[in-house]
Amino acid sequence: MKKEINELLEEMIAYSEDPDQDIKWNYLKKAIDLMGDKEGFYHFLTKLLNWLDPVLLKLSGLNSEKLELRGSEGIDYGSYISGMSNFFECCPELNQIFELKDEVIYFNSSLSNKEQEYIREFVDAKSKRKVTNFYIRPENDTLDK
């Protein structure tokens, strides 16, 4: 896999885990500066990473072939799709991994199946997932009685 793709993925993962960490952003710098939190930068970045993560892909039931930008209830689709398009413009290196066509994101067609698999494995190995387990006690729980 290309060095630039590795470095971009490492930056994306690092930013998703702690956007305030004190490191020099290379590929993401322009998008961070131009978009910031106001424009949903973090949300768009994590949306892409979640689609690349094989564990989250299985849990969420997403399609591994494509990421459709329409589908979540309550979202202003026009501005959401425009925002994702702006993210790709502000960070053109994303186009080495992804292709944004209309309202759908695919892997870049120049990537082989083996490279796509490697990208997913890379994200799987490098990501720190935040998992929360909790128990909701039933109203008629008799254990305490």
N, C-alpha and C. Protein backbone atom coordinates (compact mmCIF):
# COMPACT_ATOMS: atom_id res chain seq x y z
N MET A 1 0.84 -1.18 0.00
CA MET A 1 0.00 0.00 0.00
C MET A 1 0.89 1.24 0.00
N LYS A 2 0.41 2.29 -0.63
CA LYS A 2 1.17 3.53 -0.73
C LYS A 2 1.43 4.13 0.64
N LYS A 3 2.60 4.73 0.75
CA LYS A 3 3.00 5.39 2.00
C LYS A 3 1.98 6.47 2.39
N GLU A 4 1.52 7.24 1.40
CA GLU A 4 0.58 8.33 1.67
C GLU A 4 -0.73 7.81 2.27
N ILE A 5 -1.19 6.66 1.78
CA ILE A 5 -2.42 6.08 2.30
C ILE A 5 -2.22 5.65 3.75
N ASN A 6 -1.10 5.01 4.05
CA ASN A 6 -0.79 4.62 5.44
C ASN A 6 -0.78 5.84 6.35
N GLU A 7 -0.08 6.88 5.92
CA GLU A 7 0.04 8.08 6.74
C GLU A 7 -1.31 8.77 6.93
N LEU A 8 -2.09 8.84 5.87
CA LEU A 8 -3.42 9.45 5.96
C LEU A 8 -4.30 8.67 6.93
N LEU A 9 -4.31 7.35 6.83
CA LEU A 9 -5.10 6.53 7.74
C LEU A 9 -4.65 6.71 9.19
N GLU A 10 -3.34 6.77 9.40
CA GLU A 10 -2.82 6.98 10.76
C GLU A 10 -3.29 8.32 11.31
N GLU A 11 -3.28 9.37 10.48
CA GLU A 11 -3.76 10.68 10.92
C GLU A 11 -5.25 10.64 11.22
N MET A 12 -6.01 9.99 10.36
CA MET A 12 -7.46 9.91 10.56
C MET A 12 -7.78 9.20 11.88
N ILE A 13 -7.10 8.09 12.13
CA ILE A 13 -7.34 7.34 13.36
C ILE A 13 -6.92 8.16 14.58
N ALA A 14 -5.75 8.79 14.51
CA ALA A 14 -5.27 9.61 15.63
C ALA A 14 -6.23 10.75 15.92
N TYR A 15 -6.70 11.42 14.88
CA TYR A 15 -7.63 12.54 15.09
C TYR A 15 -8.95 12.05 15.67
N SER A 16 -9.43 10.91 15.20
CA SER A 16 -10.71 10.40 15.70
C SER A 16 -10.63 10.04 17.18
N GLU A 17 -9.46 9.62 17.63
CA GLU A 17 -9.28 9.22 19.02
C GLU A 17 -9.06 10.41 19.95
N ASP A 18 -8.41 11.47 19.43
CA ASP A 18 -8.18 12.66 20.25
C ASP A 18 -7.87 13.85 19.34
N PRO A 19 -8.89 14.60 18.97
CA PRO A 19 -8.68 15.73 18.07
C PRO A 19 -7.80 16.83 18.65
N ASP A 20 -7.65 16.86 19.96
CA ASP A 20 -6.89 17.94 20.60
C ASP A 20 -5.43 17.58 20.87
N GLN A 21 -5.02 16.38 20.46
CA GLN A 21 -3.64 16.00 20.75
C GLN A 21 -2.67 16.92 20.02
N ASP A 22 -1.51 17.06 20.59
CA ASP A 22 -0.51 18.00 20.08
C ASP A 22 0.43 17.31 19.10
N ILE A 23 -0.07 17.09 17.90
CA ILE A 23 0.80 16.55 16.85
C ILE A 23 0.62 17.41 15.60
N LYS A 24 1.58 17.33 14.72
CA LYS A 24 1.51 18.11 13.49
C LYS A 24 0.70 17.32 12.46
N TRP A 25 -0.46 17.87 12.10
CA TRP A 25 -1.30 17.24 11.10
C TRP A 25 -0.74 17.58 9.74
N ASN A 26 -0.62 16.60 8.91
CA ASN A 26 -0.07 16.80 7.57
C ASN A 26 -1.20 16.80 6.55
N TYR A 27 -1.80 15.66 6.31
CA TYR A 27 -2.84 15.52 5.29
C TYR A 27 -4.15 16.19 5.71
N LEU A 28 -4.45 16.17 6.98
CA LEU A 28 -5.73 16.68 7.47
C LEU A 28 -5.71 18.17 7.79
N LYS A 29 -4.53 18.79 7.79
CA LYS A 29 -4.39 20.18 8.24
C LYS A 29 -5.31 21.14 7.51
N LYS A 30 -5.34 21.10 6.20
CA LYS A 30 -6.16 22.04 5.44
C LYS A 30 -7.64 21.87 5.77
N ALA A 31 -8.09 20.64 5.85
CA ALA A 31 -9.49 20.38 6.16
C ALA A 31 -9.82 20.83 7.59
N ILE A 32 -8.91 20.59 8.52
CA ILE A 32 -9.13 21.03 9.90
C ILE A 32 -9.24 22.54 9.95
N ASP A 33 -8.32 23.23 9.28
CA ASP A 33 -8.31 24.69 9.29
C ASP A 33 -9.55 25.28 8.61
N LEU A 34 -9.94 24.70 7.49
CA LEU A 34 -11.07 25.26 6.73
C LEU A 34 -12.43 24.85 7.27
N MET A 35 -12.52 23.63 7.75
CA MET A 35 -13.83 23.12 8.19
C MET A 35 -14.03 23.24 9.69
N GLY A 36 -13.08 22.76 10.46
CA GLY A 36 -13.22 22.77 11.90
C GLY A 36 -14.47 22.05 12.36
N ASP A 37 -14.79 22.19 13.62
CA ASP A 37 -15.96 21.52 14.18
C ASP A 37 -17.27 22.10 13.64
N LYS A 38 -17.25 23.37 13.27
CA LYS A 38 -18.47 24.00 12.79
C LYS A 38 -19.00 23.32 11.53
N GLU A 39 -18.12 22.84 10.71
CA GLU A 39 -18.52 22.24 9.45
C GLU A 39 -18.64 20.72 9.53
N GLY A 40 -18.51 20.14 10.69
CA GLY A 40 -18.70 18.70 10.85
C GLY A 40 -17.52 17.85 10.47
N PHE A 41 -16.32 18.42 10.47
CA PHE A 41 -15.12 17.69 10.07
C PHE A 41 -15.00 16.35 10.81
N TYR A 42 -15.11 16.40 12.14
CA TYR A 42 -14.95 15.18 12.94
C TYR A 42 -15.98 14.12 12.55
N HIS A 43 -17.21 14.54 12.35
CA HIS A 43 -18.27 13.60 11.99
C HIS A 43 -17.99 12.93 10.64
N PHE A 44 -17.57 13.71 9.65
CA PHE A 44 -17.30 13.14 8.34
C PHE A 44 -16.12 12.17 8.40
N LEU A 45 -15.09 12.55 9.15
CA LEU A 45 -13.91 11.70 9.29
C LEU A 45 -14.28 10.36 9.95
N THR A 46 -15.04 10.42 11.03
CA THR A 46 -15.40 9.18 11.72
C THR A 46 -16.38 8.34 10.90
N LYS A 47 -17.21 8.98 10.10
CA LYS A 47 -18.12 8.23 9.21
C LYS A 47 -17.29 7.37 8.25
N LEU A 48 -16.25 7.95 7.67
CA LEU A 48 -15.38 7.20 6.75
C LEU A 48 -14.63 6.09 7.49
N LEU A 49 -14.08 6.41 8.65
CA LEU A 49 -13.33 5.40 9.42
C LEU A 49 -14.23 4.24 9.85
N ASN A 50 -15.43 4.56 10.27
CA ASN A 50 -16.36 3.49 10.68
C ASN A 50 -16.67 2.56 9.52
N TRP A 51 -16.75 3.11 8.32
CA TRP A 51 -17.01 2.27 7.14
C TRP A 51 -15.81 1.39 6.82
N LEU A 52 -14.62 1.87 7.13
CA LEU A 52 -13.41 1.07 6.89
C LEU A 52 -13.18 0.02 7.97
N ASP A 53 -13.73 0.22 9.14
CA ASP A 53 -13.49 -0.68 10.27
C ASP A 53 -14.33 -1.95 10.11
N PRO A 54 -13.69 -3.11 9.94
CA PRO A 54 -14.45 -4.34 9.71
C PRO A 54 -15.35 -4.74 10.88
N VAL A 55 -14.95 -4.42 12.10
CA VAL A 55 -15.77 -4.77 13.26
C VAL A 55 -17.04 -3.91 13.27
N LEU A 56 -16.88 -2.61 13.11
CA LEU A 56 -18.04 -1.72 13.11
C LEU A 56 -18.91 -1.95 11.88
N LEU A 57 -18.29 -2.34 10.80
CA LEU A 57 -19.03 -2.63 9.57
C LEU A 57 -20.01 -3.78 9.81
N LYS A 58 -19.55 -4.82 10.50
CA LYS A 58 -20.41 -5.96 10.80
C LYS A 58 -21.49 -5.60 11.81
N LEU A 59 -21.11 -4.87 12.84
CA LEU A 59 -22.06 -4.51 13.89
C LEU A 59 -23.18 -3.61 13.38
N SER A 60 -22.83 -2.70 12.49
CA SER A 60 -23.81 -1.72 12.04
C SER A 60 -24.61 -2.19 10.84
N GLY A 61 -24.19 -3.28 10.22
CA GLY A 61 -24.90 -3.79 9.05
C GLY A 61 -24.71 -2.94 7.80
N LEU A 62 -23.63 -2.18 7.75
CA LEU A 62 -23.35 -1.37 6.57
C LEU A 62 -22.92 -2.26 5.40
N ASN A 63 -23.05 -1.72 4.22
CA ASN A 63 -22.63 -2.40 3.01
C ASN A 63 -21.13 -2.18 2.82
N SER A 64 -20.36 -3.25 2.70
CA SER A 64 -18.91 -3.11 2.57
C SER A 64 -18.48 -2.61 1.18
N GLU A 65 -19.39 -2.66 0.22
CA GLU A 65 -19.08 -2.21 -1.14
C GLU A 65 -19.25 -0.70 -1.31
N LYS A 66 -20.16 -0.12 -0.54
CA LYS A 66 -20.43 1.30 -0.69
C LYS A 66 -20.99 1.88 0.59
N LEU A 67 -20.75 3.17 0.76
CA LEU A 67 -21.26 3.91 1.90
C LEU A 67 -22.24 4.95 1.37
N GLU A 68 -23.51 4.71 1.60
CA GLU A 68 -24.53 5.63 1.11
C GLU A 68 -24.70 6.77 2.11
N LEU A 69 -24.69 7.99 1.60
CA LEU A 69 -24.79 9.15 2.47
C LEU A 69 -26.22 9.48 2.85
N ARG A 70 -27.16 8.95 2.12
CA ARG A 70 -28.58 9.11 2.50
C ARG A 70 -28.96 7.89 3.32
N GLY A 71 -29.88 8.08 4.25
CA GLY A 71 -30.34 6.92 4.98
C GLY A 71 -30.55 7.12 6.45
N SER A 72 -29.91 8.12 7.05
CA SER A 72 -30.12 8.37 8.47
C SER A 72 -31.31 9.31 8.62
N GLU A 73 -32.19 8.95 9.50
CA GLU A 73 -33.37 9.78 9.71
C GLU A 73 -32.98 11.11 10.33
N GLY A 74 -33.69 12.15 9.93
CA GLY A 74 -33.53 13.45 10.55
C GLY A 74 -32.35 14.26 10.08
N ILE A 75 -31.71 13.86 9.01
CA ILE A 75 -30.55 14.60 8.51
C ILE A 75 -30.96 15.42 7.29
N ASP A 76 -30.46 16.63 7.23
CA ASP A 76 -30.64 17.47 6.05
C ASP A 76 -29.67 16.94 5.00
N TYR A 77 -30.16 16.09 4.11
CA TYR A 77 -29.29 15.38 3.18
C TYR A 77 -28.50 16.31 2.27
N GLY A 78 -29.13 17.36 1.80
CA GLY A 78 -28.44 18.29 0.91
C GLY A 78 -27.19 18.88 1.53
N SER A 79 -27.32 19.37 2.75
CA SER A 79 -26.16 19.97 3.41
C SER A 79 -25.17 18.90 3.86
N TYR A 80 -25.67 17.71 4.22
CA TYR A 80 -24.77 16.63 4.63
C TYR A 80 -23.89 16.18 3.46
N ILE A 81 -24.51 15.98 2.32
CA ILE A 81 -23.77 15.54 1.13
C ILE A 81 -22.82 16.65 0.68
N SER A 82 -23.27 17.88 0.75
CA SER A 82 -22.42 19.02 0.41
C SER A 82 -21.23 19.11 1.36
N GLY A 83 -21.46 18.85 2.65
CA GLY A 83 -20.38 18.87 3.63
C GLY A 83 -19.35 17.78 3.38
N MET A 84 -19.82 16.58 3.04
CA MET A 84 -18.88 15.49 2.74
C MET A 84 -18.08 15.82 1.49
N SER A 85 -18.73 16.40 0.50
CA SER A 85 -18.05 16.81 -0.72
C SER A 85 -16.98 17.87 -0.40
N ASN A 86 -17.32 18.79 0.49
CA ASN A 86 -16.37 19.82 0.91
C ASN A 86 -15.18 19.19 1.63
N PHE A 87 -15.44 18.17 2.44
CA PHE A 87 -14.37 17.44 3.13
C PHE A 87 -13.39 16.85 2.11
N PHE A 88 -13.91 16.25 1.06
CA PHE A 88 -13.06 15.68 0.01
C PHE A 88 -12.27 16.76 -0.73
N GLU A 89 -12.87 17.93 -0.91
CA GLU A 89 -12.17 19.04 -1.56
C GLU A 89 -11.06 19.59 -0.67
N CYS A 90 -11.32 19.67 0.63
CA CYS A 90 -10.33 20.20 1.57
C CYS A 90 -9.22 19.21 1.88
N CYS A 91 -9.47 17.95 1.64
CA CYS A 91 -8.47 16.90 1.87
C CYS A 91 -8.43 15.98 0.65
N PRO A 92 -7.81 16.46 -0.45
CA PRO A 92 -7.83 15.69 -1.70
C PRO A 92 -7.15 14.33 -1.60
N GLU A 93 -6.33 14.13 -0.59
CA GLU A 93 -5.68 12.83 -0.41
C GLU A 93 -6.69 11.73 -0.13
N LEU A 94 -7.87 12.09 0.35
CA LEU A 94 -8.92 11.09 0.57
C LEU A 94 -9.26 10.34 -0.71
N ASN A 95 -9.06 11.02 -1.84
CA ASN A 95 -9.38 10.41 -3.13
C ASN A 95 -8.45 9.25 -3.48
N GLN A 96 -7.36 9.09 -2.75
CA GLN A 96 -6.50 7.93 -2.96
C GLN A 96 -7.15 6.66 -2.40
N ILE A 97 -8.05 6.84 -1.43
CA ILE A 97 -8.72 5.71 -0.80
C ILE A 97 -10.16 5.59 -1.29
N PHE A 98 -10.84 6.71 -1.40
CA PHE A 98 -12.27 6.74 -1.67
C PHE A 98 -12.59 7.40 -3.00
N GLU A 99 -13.79 7.10 -3.48
CA GLU A 99 -14.39 7.82 -4.60
C GLU A 99 -15.77 8.26 -4.15
N LEU A 100 -16.02 9.55 -4.24
CA LEU A 100 -17.33 10.09 -3.90
C LEU A 100 -18.07 10.34 -5.21
N LYS A 101 -19.12 9.55 -5.44
CA LYS A 101 -19.92 9.68 -6.65
C LYS A 101 -21.35 9.97 -6.22
N ASP A 102 -21.83 11.14 -6.60
CA ASP A 102 -23.18 11.57 -6.23
C ASP A 102 -23.35 11.50 -4.72
N GLU A 103 -24.10 10.55 -4.24
CA GLU A 103 -24.40 10.45 -2.81
C GLU A 103 -23.84 9.16 -2.20
N VAL A 104 -22.86 8.57 -2.87
CA VAL A 104 -22.32 7.28 -2.44
C VAL A 104 -20.79 7.34 -2.44
N ILE A 105 -20.19 6.71 -1.43
CA ILE A 105 -18.73 6.61 -1.34
C ILE A 105 -18.35 5.16 -1.58
N TYR A 106 -17.35 4.98 -2.43
CA TYR A 106 -16.80 3.66 -2.76
C TYR A 106 -15.31 3.70 -2.49
N PHE A 107 -14.69 2.52 -2.49
CA PHE A 107 -13.23 2.48 -2.54
C PHE A 107 -12.80 3.04 -3.89
N ASN A 108 -11.65 3.69 -3.93
CA ASN A 108 -11.10 4.15 -5.19
C ASN A 108 -10.94 2.94 -6.10
N SER A 109 -11.40 3.06 -7.33
CA SER A 109 -11.39 1.92 -8.26
C SER A 109 -9.98 1.46 -8.61
N SER A 110 -8.97 2.29 -8.34
CA SER A 110 -7.60 1.88 -8.63
C SER A 110 -7.04 0.92 -7.56
N LEU A 111 -7.74 0.81 -6.42
CA LEU A 111 -7.29 -0.10 -5.36
C LEU A 111 -7.77 -1.52 -5.65
N SER A 112 -6.85 -2.45 -5.54
CA SER A 112 -7.21 -3.86 -5.74
C SER A 112 -7.99 -4.35 -4.52
N ASN A 113 -8.63 -5.50 -4.66
CA ASN A 113 -9.34 -6.11 -3.53
C ASN A 113 -8.39 -6.38 -2.37
N LYS A 114 -7.17 -6.76 -2.70
CA LYS A 114 -6.17 -7.03 -1.68
C LYS A 114 -5.79 -5.75 -0.93
N GLU A 115 -5.67 -4.63 -1.65
CA GLU A 115 -5.37 -3.35 -1.01
C GLU A 115 -6.54 -2.89 -0.13
N GLN A 116 -7.75 -3.10 -0.61
CA GLN A 116 -8.92 -2.74 0.18
C GLN A 116 -8.97 -3.55 1.47
N GLU A 117 -8.66 -4.82 1.36
CA GLU A 117 -8.63 -5.70 2.53
C GLU A 117 -7.54 -5.25 3.51
N TYR A 118 -6.38 -4.87 2.97
CA TYR A 118 -5.28 -4.40 3.81
C TYR A 118 -5.69 -3.12 4.55
N ILE A 119 -6.37 -2.23 3.87
CA ILE A 119 -6.83 -0.98 4.50
C ILE A 119 -7.75 -1.30 5.67
N ARG A 120 -8.69 -2.20 5.47
CA ARG A 120 -9.61 -2.58 6.55
C ARG A 120 -8.85 -3.23 7.71
N GLU A 121 -7.89 -4.09 7.40
CA GLU A 121 -7.09 -4.74 8.44
C GLU A 121 -6.25 -3.71 9.20
N PHE A 122 -5.71 -2.73 8.47
CA PHE A 122 -4.91 -1.66 9.07
C PHE A 122 -5.77 -0.87 10.07
N VAL A 123 -6.97 -0.48 9.64
CA VAL A 123 -7.87 0.28 10.51
C VAL A 123 -8.27 -0.57 11.71
N ASP A 124 -8.52 -1.85 11.48
CA ASP A 124 -8.88 -2.76 12.57
C ASP A 124 -7.76 -2.84 13.60
N ALA A 125 -6.54 -2.98 13.14
CA ALA A 125 -5.40 -3.14 14.04
C ALA A 125 -5.05 -1.85 14.79
N LYS A 126 -5.21 -0.72 14.16
CA LYS A 126 -4.77 0.56 14.76
C LYS A 126 -5.84 1.27 15.59
N SER A 127 -7.11 0.93 15.37
CA SER A 127 -8.19 1.65 16.05
C SER A 127 -8.36 1.18 17.48
N LYS A 128 -8.66 2.15 18.34
CA LYS A 128 -9.01 1.85 19.72
C LYS A 128 -10.50 2.11 19.83
N ARG A 129 -11.25 1.06 19.97
CA ARG A 129 -12.70 1.20 20.04
C ARG A 129 -13.15 1.48 21.46
N LYS A 130 -14.13 2.33 21.57
CA LYS A 130 -14.71 2.63 22.87
C LYS A 130 -16.00 1.84 22.99
N VAL A 131 -15.98 0.85 23.86
CA VAL A 131 -17.13 -0.02 24.02
C VAL A 131 -17.71 0.20 25.41
N THR A 132 -19.00 0.32 25.46
CA THR A 132 -19.69 0.49 26.74
C THR A 132 -20.67 -0.65 26.92
N ASN A 133 -20.58 -1.31 28.04
CA ASN A 133 -21.55 -2.33 28.41
C ASN A 133 -22.35 -1.79 29.58
N PHE A 134 -23.61 -1.96 29.55
CA PHE A 134 -24.42 -1.56 30.67
C PHE A 134 -25.60 -2.50 30.79
N TYR A 135 -26.14 -2.54 31.96
CA TYR A 135 -27.25 -3.44 32.26
C TYR A 135 -28.43 -2.59 32.69
N ILE A 136 -29.56 -2.83 32.09
CA ILE A 136 -30.79 -2.16 32.49
C ILE A 136 -31.61 -3.19 33.26
N ARG A 137 -31.81 -2.89 34.51
CA ARG A 137 -32.54 -3.81 35.37
C ARG A 137 -34.02 -3.81 35.00
N PRO A 138 -34.60 -4.97 34.81
CA PRO A 138 -36.03 -5.05 34.51
C PRO A 138 -36.84 -4.52 35.69
N GLU A 139 -38.00 -3.96 35.40
CA GLU A 139 -38.84 -3.38 36.45
C GLU A 139 -39.29 -4.44 37.46
N ASN A 140 -39.50 -5.63 37.01
CA ASN A 140 -40.00 -6.67 37.92
C ASN A 140 -38.89 -7.63 38.36
N ASP A 141 -37.69 -7.09 38.53
CA ASP A 141 -36.54 -7.89 38.95
C ASP A 141 -36.78 -8.37 40.40
N THR A 142 -36.72 -9.66 40.63
CA THR A 142 -37.00 -10.25 41.94
C THR A 142 -35.74 -10.65 42.70
N LEU A 143 -34.57 -10.34 42.17
CA LEU A 143 -33.33 -10.76 42.83
C LEU A 143 -33.16 -10.11 44.20
N ASP A 144 -33.61 -8.90 44.38
CA ASP A 144 -33.43 -8.20 45.66
C ASP A 144 -34.52 -8.52 46.67
N LYS A 145 -35.50 -9.24 46.30
CA LYS A 145 -36.63 -9.49 47.20
C LYS A 145 -36.49 -10.78 47.94
